């Protein structure tokens, strides 16, 4: 029989969400550093990261994904993956309209 701990599921969700937010900040930081050094945005994320982190978005209905969609504008399509906007300095979004544990859509992070 498995033991049940009140609040454990919520802690796991917050931990997984924290990892997604951390990965987003890290990749954005690398995009900024690339832009500062080269005065142009990178052709794709592999120019700034040798390995693209897998996104896990609890309660979104999306399976884990390391997919990167490239666009010239922020057209959120709710794929559950990364959205790299290749314009200006380059921008990165989480392509998901579902809310995190605080009710904030992932695409607005």
C-alpha atoms as a PDB file:
ATOM      1  CA  UNK A   1       0.000   0.000   0.000  1.00  0.00           C
ATOM      2  CA  UNK A   2       1.439   3.392  -0.984  1.00  0.00           C
ATOM      3  CA  UNK A   3       1.562   6.153   1.590  1.00  0.00           C
ATOM      4  CA  UNK A   4      -0.127   9.425   0.782  1.00  0.00           C
ATOM      5  CA  UNK A   5       1.356  12.718   1.874  1.00  0.00           C
ATOM      6  CA  UNK A   6      -0.877  15.770   1.841  1.00  0.00           C
ATOM      7  CA  UNK A   7       0.529  18.436  -0.441  1.00  0.00           C
ATOM      8  CA  UNK A   8       3.180  16.166  -1.986  1.00  0.00           C
ATOM      9  CA  UNK A   9       1.640  16.366  -5.451  1.00  0.00           C
ATOM     10  CA  UNK A  10       1.632  20.166  -5.208  1.00  0.00           C
ATOM     11  CA  UNK A  11       5.316  20.159  -4.236  1.00  0.00           C
ATOM     12  CA  UNK A  12       6.201  17.958  -7.194  1.00  0.00           C
ATOM     13  CA  UNK A  13       4.260  20.253  -9.552  1.00  0.00           C
ATOM     14  CA  UNK A  14       6.018  23.348  -8.187  1.00  0.00           C
ATOM     15  CA  UNK A  15       9.393  21.642  -8.570  1.00  0.00           C
ATOM     16  CA  UNK A  16       8.738  20.683 -12.202  1.00  0.00           C
ATOM     17  CA  UNK A  17       7.383  24.160 -12.960  1.00  0.00           C
ATOM     18  CA  UNK A  18      10.430  25.732 -11.309  1.00  0.00           C
ATOM     19  CA  UNK A  19      12.696  23.719 -13.610  1.00  0.00           C
ATOM     20  CA  UNK A  20      10.822  24.935 -16.700  1.00  0.00           C
ATOM     21  CA  UNK A  21      11.060  28.571 -15.544  1.00  0.00           C
ATOM     22  CA  UNK A  22      14.775  28.130 -14.755  1.00  0.00           C
ATOM     23  CA  UNK A  23      15.482  26.623 -18.185  1.00  0.00           C
ATOM     24  CA  UNK A  24      13.630  29.524 -19.831  1.00  0.00           C
ATOM     25  CA  UNK A  25      15.728  32.090 -17.920  1.00  0.00           C
ATOM     26  CA  UNK A  26      18.971  30.262 -18.752  1.00  0.00           C
ATOM     27  CA  UNK A  27      18.215  30.051 -22.467  1.00  0.00           C
ATOM     28  CA  UNK A  28      17.134  33.693 -22.574  1.00  0.00           C
ATOM     29  CA  UNK A  29      20.378  34.657 -20.875  1.00  0.00           C
ATOM     30  CA  UNK A  30      22.360  32.737 -23.501  1.00  0.00           C
ATOM     31  CA  UNK A  31      20.391  34.413 -26.307  1.00  0.00           C
ATOM     32  CA  UNK A  32      21.198  37.825 -24.829  1.00  0.00           C
ATOM     33  CA  UNK A  33      24.904  36.981 -24.503  1.00  0.00           C
ATOM     34  CA  UNK A  34      24.988  35.795 -28.113  1.00  0.00           C
ATOM     35  CA  UNK A  35      23.305  38.986 -29.296  1.00  0.00           C
ATOM     36  CA  UNK A  36      25.705  41.166 -27.300  1.00  0.00           C
ATOM     37  CA  UNK A  37      28.723  39.363 -28.770  1.00  0.00           C
ATOM     38  CA  UNK A  38      27.488  39.142 -32.369  1.00  0.00           C
ATOM     39  CA  UNK A  39      24.993  42.021 -32.741  1.00  0.00           C
ATOM     40  CA  UNK A  40      22.546  39.617 -34.363  1.00  0.00           C
ATOM     41  CA  UNK A  41      20.245  36.901 -33.128  1.00  0.00           C
ATOM     42  CA  UNK A  42      21.425  33.300 -33.483  1.00  0.00           C
ATOM     43  CA  UNK A  43      20.096  31.265 -36.420  1.00  0.00           C
ATOM     44  CA  UNK A  44      18.599  28.749 -33.959  1.00  0.00           C
ATOM     45  CA  UNK A  45      18.896  27.709 -30.314  1.00  0.00           C
ATOM     46  CA  UNK A  46      21.624  25.160 -31.033  1.00  0.00           C
ATOM     47  CA  UNK A  47      23.956  28.139 -31.539  1.00  0.00           C
ATOM     48  CA  UNK A  48      23.613  28.986 -27.833  1.00  0.00           C
ATOM     49  CA  UNK A  49      22.844  25.619 -26.227  1.00  0.00           C
ATOM     50  CA  UNK A  50      24.383  22.263 -27.074  1.00  0.00           C
ATOM     51  CA  UNK A  51      21.340  20.537 -25.585  1.00  0.00           C
ATOM     52  CA  UNK A  52      17.809  21.922 -25.538  1.00  0.00           C
ATOM     53  CA  UNK A  53      16.115  21.148 -22.217  1.00  0.00           C
ATOM     54  CA  UNK A  54      12.952  19.093 -22.244  1.00  0.00           C
ATOM     55  CA  UNK A  55       9.887  21.054 -21.148  1.00  0.00           C
ATOM     56  CA  UNK A  56       7.543  19.402 -18.696  1.00  0.00           C
ATOM     57  CA  UNK A  57       4.414  21.454 -18.090  1.00  0.00           C
ATOM     58  CA  UNK A  58       2.278  19.788 -15.409  1.00  0.00           C
ATOM     59  CA  UNK A  59      -1.507  19.931 -15.777  1.00  0.00           C
ATOM     60  CA  UNK A  60      -1.201  21.335 -19.313  1.00  0.00           C
ATOM     61  CA  UNK A  61      -2.074  18.153 -21.162  1.00  0.00           C
ATOM     62  CA  UNK A  62       1.149  18.408 -23.205  1.00  0.00           C
ATOM     63  CA  UNK A  63       3.665  15.554 -23.194  1.00  0.00           C
ATOM     64  CA  UNK A  64       7.279  16.433 -22.298  1.00  0.00           C
ATOM     65  CA  UNK A  65       8.926  18.151 -25.265  1.00  0.00           C
ATOM     66  CA  UNK A  66      12.273  19.525 -26.327  1.00  0.00           C
ATOM     67  CA  UNK A  67      10.862  20.710 -29.652  1.00  0.00           C
ATOM     68  CA  UNK A  68      11.723  24.220 -30.781  1.00  0.00           C
ATOM     69  CA  UNK A  69       9.469  26.050 -33.193  1.00  0.00           C
ATOM     70  CA  UNK A  70      11.050  29.026 -34.980  1.00  0.00           C
ATOM     71  CA  UNK A  71       8.984  32.021 -36.013  1.00  0.00           C
ATOM     72  CA  UNK A  72       9.480  35.679 -36.906  1.00  0.00           C
ATOM     73  CA  UNK A  73       6.859  36.814 -34.377  1.00  0.00           C
ATOM     74  CA  UNK A  74       5.361  35.522 -31.122  1.00  0.00           C
ATOM     75  CA  UNK A  75       2.559  33.395 -32.541  1.00  0.00           C
ATOM     76  CA  UNK A  76       1.618  31.196 -29.616  1.00  0.00           C
ATOM     77  CA  UNK A  77       0.055  27.965 -30.927  1.00  0.00           C
ATOM     78  CA  UNK A  78      -0.078  25.941 -27.695  1.00  0.00           C
ATOM     79  CA  UNK A  79       2.331  23.214 -28.815  1.00  0.00           C
ATOM     80  CA  UNK A  80       3.815  22.661 -25.348  1.00  0.00           C
ATOM     81  CA  UNK A  81       7.344  23.227 -26.653  1.00  0.00           C
ATOM     82  CA  UNK A  82       9.731  26.130 -27.025  1.00  0.00           C
ATOM     83  CA  UNK A  83       9.016  29.061 -29.359  1.00  0.00           C
ATOM     84  CA  UNK A  84      12.109  30.894 -30.636  1.00  0.00           C
ATOM     85  CA  UNK A  85      11.306  34.218 -32.273  1.00  0.00           C
ATOM     86  CA  UNK A  86      14.121  34.941 -34.694  1.00  0.00           C
ATOM     87  CA  UNK A  87      13.854  38.726 -34.912  1.00  0.00           C
ATOM     88  CA  UNK A  88      15.788  41.574 -33.332  1.00  0.00           C
ATOM     89  CA  UNK A  89      17.852  40.194 -30.471  1.00  0.00           C
ATOM     90  CA  UNK A  90      15.827  36.951 -30.523  1.00  0.00           C
ATOM     91  CA  UNK A  91      13.146  36.015 -27.996  1.00  0.00           C
ATOM     92  CA  UNK A  92      12.170  32.773 -26.360  1.00  0.00           C
ATOM     93  CA  UNK A  93       8.768  31.704 -25.084  1.00  0.00           C
ATOM     94  CA  UNK A  94       7.099  28.615 -23.738  1.00  0.00           C
ATOM     95  CA  UNK A  95       4.488  27.853 -26.388  1.00  0.00           C
ATOM     96  CA  UNK A  96       1.621  26.987 -24.052  1.00  0.00           C
ATOM     97  CA  UNK A  97      -1.537  28.880 -23.095  1.00  0.00           C
ATOM     98  CA  UNK A  98      -2.347  26.685 -20.098  1.00  0.00           C
ATOM     99  CA  UNK A  99      -1.823  28.127 -16.603  1.00  0.00           C
ATOM    100  CA  UNK A 100       0.946  27.273 -14.181  1.00  0.00           C
ATOM    101  CA  UNK A 101       0.156  26.608 -10.494  1.00  0.00           C
ATOM    102  CA  UNK A 102      -0.293  30.363  -9.906  1.00  0.00           C
ATOM    103  CA  UNK A 103      -2.765  30.727 -12.784  1.00  0.00           C
ATOM    104  CA  UNK A 104      -0.303  32.502 -15.116  1.00  0.00           C
ATOM    105  CA  UNK A 105      -0.237  31.251 -18.748  1.00  0.00           C
ATOM    106  CA  UNK A 106       3.111  29.645 -19.603  1.00  0.00           C
ATOM    107  CA  UNK A 107       3.422  31.825 -22.699  1.00  0.00           C
ATOM    108  CA  UNK A 108       3.504  34.943 -20.511  1.00  0.00           C
ATOM    109  CA  UNK A 109       6.605  33.879 -18.547  1.00  0.00           C
END
